[in-house]
Amino acid sequence: MSRPIRVLVAKVGLDGHDRGAKVIATSLRDAGMEVIYTGLRQTPEMVVNAALQEDVDAIGVSILSGAHNTIFPKIIQLMKDKGMNDVLLTGGGIIPEDDMAQLQAMGVGKLFAPGATTTEIADYIKDWVAANRNF
């Protein structure tokens, strides 16, 4: 029997708006995933260390602060430094399309804008894990 997909949902930086992250965490749990929610005001280092400790398949970052071009590259670099090459880094929030494309070119997975459905997000994570993780 395979284990459930494990996802860490994080709010990085000083952005204190976490309702969306909590909705996503609940919807992923309802979709059969194990979800670890880090709470507010996490640093990239805290997120990556928690993901490593929890042996997650995916990290989802909610970002509304405009700091996505700082936060995502820092997290992806820390993940590479720790050999987490088979862990998905995804997320969503207020991120312009051009920035989404640049972040994806760096290795960040699909990023979701407001209006994305929770089913779309859960299906993306399930499909990515099925294609990229061995268990």
N, C-alpha and C. Protein backbone atom coordinates (compact mmCIF):
# COMPACT_ATOMS: atom_id res chain seq x y z
N MET A 1 0.84 -1.19 0.00
CA MET A 1 0.00 0.00 0.00
C MET A 1 0.89 1.25 0.00
N SER A 2 0.57 2.18 -0.86
CA SER A 2 1.39 3.40 -0.92
C SER A 2 0.92 4.40 0.13
N ARG A 3 1.83 5.24 0.53
CA ARG A 3 1.50 6.25 1.53
C ARG A 3 0.83 7.43 0.85
N PRO A 4 0.11 8.23 1.62
CA PRO A 4 -0.51 9.43 1.03
C PRO A 4 0.56 10.45 0.64
N ILE A 5 0.23 11.28 -0.31
CA ILE A 5 1.10 12.38 -0.69
C ILE A 5 1.20 13.34 0.49
N ARG A 6 2.43 13.78 0.77
CA ARG A 6 2.67 14.71 1.89
C ARG A 6 3.02 16.09 1.31
N VAL A 7 2.29 17.10 1.76
CA VAL A 7 2.48 18.46 1.26
C VAL A 7 2.68 19.41 2.43
N LEU A 8 3.70 20.26 2.32
CA LEU A 8 3.92 21.32 3.29
C LEU A 8 3.37 22.61 2.69
N VAL A 9 2.46 23.26 3.39
CA VAL A 9 1.89 24.53 2.96
C VAL A 9 2.49 25.62 3.84
N ALA A 10 3.05 26.65 3.21
CA ALA A 10 3.80 27.67 3.96
C ALA A 10 3.42 29.08 3.56
N LYS A 11 3.50 29.97 4.54
CA LYS A 11 3.41 31.42 4.34
C LYS A 11 4.78 31.98 4.70
N VAL A 12 5.44 32.59 3.73
CA VAL A 12 6.80 33.07 3.93
C VAL A 12 6.81 34.59 4.02
N GLY A 13 7.62 35.10 4.91
CA GLY A 13 7.77 36.55 5.02
C GLY A 13 6.76 37.16 5.97
N LEU A 14 6.55 38.45 5.81
CA LEU A 14 5.71 39.21 6.74
C LEU A 14 4.24 39.26 6.37
N ASP A 15 3.88 38.68 5.24
CA ASP A 15 2.48 38.65 4.81
C ASP A 15 1.65 37.90 5.85
N GLY A 16 0.67 38.56 6.41
CA GLY A 16 -0.14 37.95 7.46
C GLY A 16 -1.49 37.43 7.00
N HIS A 17 -1.71 37.38 5.70
CA HIS A 17 -3.00 36.94 5.17
C HIS A 17 -2.92 35.45 4.86
N ASP A 18 -3.50 34.63 5.72
CA ASP A 18 -3.34 33.18 5.55
C ASP A 18 -4.63 32.43 5.26
N ARG A 19 -5.73 33.13 5.03
CA ARG A 19 -6.99 32.43 4.77
C ARG A 19 -6.87 31.52 3.55
N GLY A 20 -6.28 32.03 2.46
CA GLY A 20 -6.12 31.22 1.25
C GLY A 20 -5.28 29.98 1.49
N ALA A 21 -4.19 30.14 2.23
CA ALA A 21 -3.32 29.00 2.53
C ALA A 21 -4.08 27.95 3.33
N LYS A 22 -4.90 28.40 4.27
CA LYS A 22 -5.68 27.46 5.07
C LYS A 22 -6.74 26.75 4.24
N VAL A 23 -7.36 27.47 3.29
CA VAL A 23 -8.34 26.84 2.39
C VAL A 23 -7.66 25.77 1.55
N ILE A 24 -6.48 26.10 1.02
CA ILE A 24 -5.74 25.13 0.20
C ILE A 24 -5.34 23.92 1.06
N ALA A 25 -4.83 24.17 2.25
CA ALA A 25 -4.43 23.07 3.13
C ALA A 25 -5.61 22.13 3.40
N THR A 26 -6.75 22.70 3.70
CA THR A 26 -7.95 21.89 3.96
C THR A 26 -8.37 21.12 2.72
N SER A 27 -8.34 21.77 1.57
CA SER A 27 -8.79 21.09 0.34
C SER A 27 -7.83 19.96 -0.05
N LEU A 28 -6.53 20.15 0.18
CA LEU A 28 -5.58 19.08 -0.11
C LEU A 28 -5.80 17.91 0.84
N ARG A 29 -6.08 18.22 2.09
CA ARG A 29 -6.38 17.17 3.07
C ARG A 29 -7.64 16.41 2.64
N ASP A 30 -8.65 17.16 2.20
CA ASP A 30 -9.89 16.53 1.73
C ASP A 30 -9.66 15.66 0.49
N ALA A 31 -8.61 15.98 -0.28
CA ALA A 31 -8.26 15.21 -1.47
C ALA A 31 -7.40 13.99 -1.13
N GLY A 32 -7.19 13.75 0.17
CA GLY A 32 -6.48 12.55 0.60
C GLY A 32 -5.01 12.72 0.88
N MET A 33 -4.54 13.95 0.90
CA MET A 33 -3.13 14.20 1.16
C MET A 33 -2.90 14.49 2.64
N GLU A 34 -1.68 14.21 3.10
CA GLU A 34 -1.28 14.63 4.43
C GLU A 34 -0.72 16.04 4.29
N VAL A 35 -1.20 16.96 5.09
CA VAL A 35 -0.79 18.36 4.96
C VAL A 35 -0.16 18.85 6.25
N ILE A 36 0.97 19.49 6.11
CA ILE A 36 1.65 20.15 7.22
C ILE A 36 1.56 21.64 6.93
N TYR A 37 0.91 22.39 7.81
CA TYR A 37 0.80 23.84 7.62
C TYR A 37 1.76 24.51 8.59
N THR A 38 2.67 25.32 8.07
CA THR A 38 3.73 25.89 8.90
C THR A 38 3.29 27.10 9.70
N GLY A 39 2.19 27.73 9.31
CA GLY A 39 1.80 28.96 9.97
C GLY A 39 2.46 30.16 9.31
N LEU A 40 2.27 31.31 9.91
CA LEU A 40 2.73 32.58 9.35
C LEU A 40 4.21 32.85 9.61
N ARG A 41 4.72 33.76 8.81
CA ARG A 41 6.04 34.39 9.00
C ARG A 41 7.21 33.40 9.01
N GLN A 42 7.20 32.50 8.06
CA GLN A 42 8.29 31.54 7.93
C GLN A 42 9.40 32.13 7.05
N THR A 43 10.62 31.71 7.29
CA THR A 43 11.72 32.07 6.40
C THR A 43 11.88 30.94 5.38
N PRO A 44 12.54 31.21 4.25
CA PRO A 44 12.80 30.11 3.31
C PRO A 44 13.54 28.95 3.98
N GLU A 45 14.49 29.27 4.85
CA GLU A 45 15.24 28.21 5.55
C GLU A 45 14.31 27.35 6.42
N MET A 46 13.40 28.00 7.13
CA MET A 46 12.45 27.26 7.98
C MET A 46 11.57 26.34 7.14
N VAL A 47 11.13 26.83 5.98
CA VAL A 47 10.27 26.03 5.10
C VAL A 47 11.01 24.81 4.59
N VAL A 48 12.22 25.01 4.08
CA VAL A 48 12.98 23.89 3.51
C VAL A 48 13.36 22.90 4.60
N ASN A 49 13.76 23.36 5.77
CA ASN A 49 14.10 22.45 6.86
C ASN A 49 12.89 21.65 7.31
N ALA A 50 11.73 22.29 7.40
CA ALA A 50 10.51 21.57 7.78
C ALA A 50 10.15 20.54 6.71
N ALA A 51 10.29 20.91 5.45
CA ALA A 51 9.98 19.98 4.36
C ALA A 51 10.89 18.76 4.41
N LEU A 52 12.15 18.99 4.71
CA LEU A 52 13.11 17.90 4.81
C LEU A 52 12.77 17.00 5.99
N GLN A 53 12.51 17.59 7.14
CA GLN A 53 12.14 16.82 8.34
C GLN A 53 10.88 16.01 8.14
N GLU A 54 9.90 16.59 7.46
CA GLU A 54 8.60 15.93 7.28
C GLU A 54 8.57 14.99 6.07
N ASP A 55 9.67 14.93 5.31
CA ASP A 55 9.77 14.07 4.14
C ASP A 55 8.59 14.29 3.19
N VAL A 56 8.39 15.54 2.80
CA VAL A 56 7.25 15.87 1.95
C VAL A 56 7.55 15.60 0.48
N ASP A 57 6.48 15.47 -0.28
CA ASP A 57 6.56 15.31 -1.73
C ASP A 57 6.46 16.66 -2.43
N ALA A 58 5.83 17.62 -1.76
CA ALA A 58 5.61 18.93 -2.36
C ALA A 58 5.59 20.01 -1.30
N ILE A 59 6.03 21.21 -1.71
CA ILE A 59 5.94 22.41 -0.89
C ILE A 59 5.06 23.39 -1.65
N GLY A 60 4.05 23.90 -0.97
CA GLY A 60 3.18 24.91 -1.57
C GLY A 60 3.33 26.21 -0.79
N VAL A 61 3.73 27.28 -1.48
CA VAL A 61 3.94 28.57 -0.84
C VAL A 61 2.85 29.54 -1.28
N SER A 62 2.18 30.13 -0.31
CA SER A 62 1.19 31.17 -0.57
C SER A 62 1.88 32.51 -0.39
N ILE A 63 1.80 33.36 -1.43
CA ILE A 63 2.50 34.64 -1.35
C ILE A 63 1.65 35.75 -1.95
N LEU A 64 1.37 36.73 -1.12
CA LEU A 64 0.58 37.88 -1.54
C LEU A 64 1.35 39.18 -1.39
N SER A 65 2.57 39.11 -0.90
CA SER A 65 3.32 40.30 -0.51
C SER A 65 4.09 40.96 -1.64
N GLY A 66 4.20 40.30 -2.79
CA GLY A 66 5.02 40.84 -3.87
C GLY A 66 6.47 40.41 -3.80
N ALA A 67 6.82 39.59 -2.84
CA ALA A 67 8.22 39.17 -2.66
C ALA A 67 8.53 37.84 -3.36
N HIS A 68 7.68 37.42 -4.28
CA HIS A 68 7.84 36.12 -4.93
C HIS A 68 9.17 35.97 -5.67
N ASN A 69 9.69 37.07 -6.27
CA ASN A 69 10.96 36.98 -7.00
C ASN A 69 12.17 36.88 -6.08
N THR A 70 11.96 37.04 -4.79
CA THR A 70 13.01 36.83 -3.79
C THR A 70 12.81 35.48 -3.11
N ILE A 71 11.58 35.21 -2.71
CA ILE A 71 11.27 34.02 -1.91
C ILE A 71 11.46 32.72 -2.70
N PHE A 72 10.83 32.60 -3.87
CA PHE A 72 10.90 31.34 -4.61
C PHE A 72 12.32 30.98 -5.03
N PRO A 73 13.12 31.93 -5.57
CA PRO A 73 14.51 31.55 -5.91
C PRO A 73 15.32 31.10 -4.69
N LYS A 74 15.10 31.74 -3.55
CA LYS A 74 15.81 31.35 -2.33
C LYS A 74 15.42 29.92 -1.91
N ILE A 75 14.12 29.62 -1.95
CA ILE A 75 13.67 28.27 -1.57
C ILE A 75 14.21 27.24 -2.55
N ILE A 76 14.14 27.51 -3.86
CA ILE A 76 14.60 26.52 -4.84
C ILE A 76 16.10 26.28 -4.68
N GLN A 77 16.88 27.33 -4.37
CA GLN A 77 18.32 27.16 -4.16
C GLN A 77 18.59 26.32 -2.91
N LEU A 78 17.87 26.59 -1.83
CA LEU A 78 18.04 25.80 -0.61
C LEU A 78 17.66 24.33 -0.85
N MET A 79 16.60 24.11 -1.63
CA MET A 79 16.20 22.74 -1.95
C MET A 79 17.30 22.03 -2.73
N LYS A 80 17.87 22.72 -3.71
CA LYS A 80 18.97 22.12 -4.50
C LYS A 80 20.16 21.83 -3.60
N ASP A 81 20.49 22.77 -2.71
CA ASP A 81 21.62 22.58 -1.80
C ASP A 81 21.44 21.35 -0.92
N LYS A 82 20.21 21.03 -0.59
CA LYS A 82 19.93 19.90 0.29
C LYS A 82 19.55 18.63 -0.48
N GLY A 83 19.70 18.66 -1.81
CA GLY A 83 19.43 17.48 -2.62
C GLY A 83 17.96 17.12 -2.76
N MET A 84 17.10 18.10 -2.61
CA MET A 84 15.65 17.84 -2.68
C MET A 84 15.16 18.02 -4.12
N ASN A 85 15.80 17.30 -5.04
CA ASN A 85 15.51 17.46 -6.46
C ASN A 85 14.22 16.78 -6.88
N ASP A 86 13.67 15.93 -6.03
CA ASP A 86 12.43 15.23 -6.37
C ASP A 86 11.26 15.72 -5.52
N VAL A 87 11.36 16.96 -5.05
CA VAL A 87 10.27 17.58 -4.29
C VAL A 87 9.75 18.75 -5.11
N LEU A 88 8.45 18.80 -5.29
CA LEU A 88 7.80 19.87 -6.05
C LEU A 88 7.74 21.14 -5.21
N LEU A 89 8.13 22.26 -5.82
CA LEU A 89 7.90 23.57 -5.23
C LEU A 89 6.85 24.27 -6.09
N THR A 90 5.69 24.49 -5.51
CA THR A 90 4.59 25.14 -6.21
C THR A 90 4.05 26.23 -5.30
N GLY A 91 3.03 26.91 -5.75
CA GLY A 91 2.47 27.95 -4.91
C GLY A 91 1.47 28.79 -5.66
N GLY A 92 1.12 29.88 -5.02
CA GLY A 92 0.16 30.76 -5.65
C GLY A 92 0.01 32.05 -4.89
N GLY A 93 -0.77 32.92 -5.49
CA GLY A 93 -1.02 34.22 -4.90
C GLY A 93 -1.03 35.28 -5.97
N ILE A 94 -0.64 36.46 -5.59
CA ILE A 94 -0.61 37.60 -6.52
C ILE A 94 0.76 37.63 -7.18
N ILE A 95 0.88 36.96 -8.33
CA ILE A 95 2.14 36.86 -9.05
C ILE A 95 1.87 37.14 -10.53
N PRO A 96 2.46 38.19 -11.09
CA PRO A 96 2.24 38.48 -12.51
C PRO A 96 2.68 37.31 -13.40
N GLU A 97 2.00 37.15 -14.55
CA GLU A 97 2.29 36.04 -15.45
C GLU A 97 3.75 36.00 -15.90
N ASP A 98 4.34 37.16 -16.19
CA ASP A 98 5.74 37.19 -16.61
C ASP A 98 6.66 36.66 -15.52
N ASP A 99 6.36 37.02 -14.28
CA ASP A 99 7.15 36.52 -13.15
C ASP A 99 6.94 35.02 -12.98
N MET A 100 5.71 34.55 -13.18
CA MET A 100 5.46 33.10 -13.09
C MET A 100 6.34 32.36 -14.08
N ALA A 101 6.42 32.85 -15.31
CA ALA A 101 7.22 32.19 -16.35
C ALA A 101 8.70 32.18 -15.96
N GLN A 102 9.21 33.28 -15.42
CA GLN A 102 10.62 33.34 -15.01
C GLN A 102 10.90 32.37 -13.86
N LEU A 103 9.99 32.30 -12.91
CA LEU A 103 10.17 31.39 -11.77
C LEU A 103 10.12 29.93 -12.24
N GLN A 104 9.21 29.62 -13.15
CA GLN A 104 9.13 28.26 -13.67
C GLN A 104 10.40 27.88 -14.42
N ALA A 105 11.00 28.84 -15.13
CA ALA A 105 12.25 28.58 -15.84
C ALA A 105 13.38 28.24 -14.86
N MET A 106 13.28 28.72 -13.61
CA MET A 106 14.27 28.43 -12.56
C MET A 106 14.06 27.08 -11.91
N GLY A 107 12.91 26.47 -12.15
CA GLY A 107 12.63 25.17 -11.55
C GLY A 107 11.43 25.12 -10.64
N VAL A 108 10.77 26.26 -10.45
CA VAL A 108 9.54 26.28 -9.66
C VAL A 108 8.44 25.63 -10.50
N GLY A 109 7.57 24.87 -9.86
CA GLY A 109 6.47 24.24 -10.56
C GLY A 109 5.40 25.26 -10.93
N LYS A 110 4.28 24.75 -11.38
CA LYS A 110 3.17 25.61 -11.77
C LYS A 110 2.76 26.50 -10.60
N LEU A 111 2.48 27.76 -10.91
CA LEU A 111 2.02 28.72 -9.90
C LEU A 111 0.58 29.09 -10.22
N PHE A 112 -0.22 29.22 -9.18
CA PHE A 112 -1.65 29.42 -9.35
C PHE A 112 -2.06 30.84 -8.96
N ALA A 113 -2.82 31.46 -9.84
CA ALA A 113 -3.32 32.81 -9.60
C ALA A 113 -4.67 32.72 -8.89
N PRO A 114 -5.13 33.84 -8.31
CA PRO A 114 -6.47 33.84 -7.72
C PRO A 114 -7.48 33.36 -8.75
N GLY A 115 -8.42 32.56 -8.30
CA GLY A 115 -9.43 32.00 -9.19
C GLY A 115 -9.16 30.55 -9.54
N ALA A 116 -7.94 30.07 -9.31
CA ALA A 116 -7.66 28.65 -9.56
C ALA A 116 -8.51 27.82 -8.61
N THR A 117 -8.99 26.69 -9.09
CA THR A 117 -9.82 25.86 -8.23
C THR A 117 -8.95 24.95 -7.36
N THR A 118 -9.50 24.58 -6.23
CA THR A 118 -8.76 23.67 -5.34
C THR A 118 -8.57 22.31 -6.00
N THR A 119 -9.52 21.90 -6.83
CA THR A 119 -9.39 20.63 -7.56
C THR A 119 -8.23 20.69 -8.54
N GLU A 120 -8.09 21.81 -9.24
CA GLU A 120 -7.00 22.00 -10.18
C GLU A 120 -5.65 21.89 -9.47
N ILE A 121 -5.55 22.49 -8.31
CA ILE A 121 -4.30 22.47 -7.54
C ILE A 121 -4.00 21.05 -7.04
N ALA A 122 -5.00 20.39 -6.48
CA ALA A 122 -4.81 19.02 -5.99
C ALA A 122 -4.44 18.07 -7.13
N ASP A 123 -5.11 18.20 -8.27
CA ASP A 123 -4.81 17.33 -9.42
C ASP A 123 -3.39 17.56 -9.92
N TYR A 124 -2.96 18.82 -9.96
CA TYR A 124 -1.59 19.12 -10.40
C TYR A 124 -0.57 18.44 -9.48
N ILE A 125 -0.77 18.56 -8.18
CA ILE A 125 0.17 17.95 -7.23
C ILE A 125 0.16 16.43 -7.38
N LYS A 126 -1.01 15.83 -7.46
CA LYS A 126 -1.10 14.37 -7.63
C LYS A 126 -0.39 13.91 -8.91
N ASP A 127 -0.64 14.62 -10.01
CA ASP A 127 -0.03 14.24 -11.28
C ASP A 127 1.49 14.40 -11.23
N TRP A 128 1.97 15.49 -10.63
CA TRP A 128 3.42 15.72 -10.54
C TRP A 128 4.07 14.64 -9.70
N VAL A 129 3.49 14.34 -8.57
CA VAL A 129 4.07 13.33 -7.68
C VAL A 129 4.08 11.96 -8.36
N ALA A 130 3.00 11.61 -9.05
CA ALA A 130 2.95 10.32 -9.75
C ALA A 130 4.04 10.22 -10.81
N ALA A 131 4.36 11.33 -11.45
CA ALA A 131 5.37 11.32 -12.52
C ALA A 131 6.81 11.45 -12.01
N ASN A 132 7.00 12.00 -10.81
CA ASN A 132 8.34 12.37 -10.37
C ASN A 132 8.83 11.72 -9.09
N ARG A 133 7.97 11.06 -8.35
CA ARG A 133 8.37 10.44 -7.08
C ARG A 133 8.18 8.93 -7.20
N ASN A 134 9.05 8.19 -6.54
CA ASN A 134 8.96 6.72 -6.57
C ASN A 134 8.56 6.21 -5.20
N PHE A 135 7.31 5.76 -5.08
CA PHE A 135 6.87 5.05 -3.89
C PHE A 135 5.64 4.25 -4.17
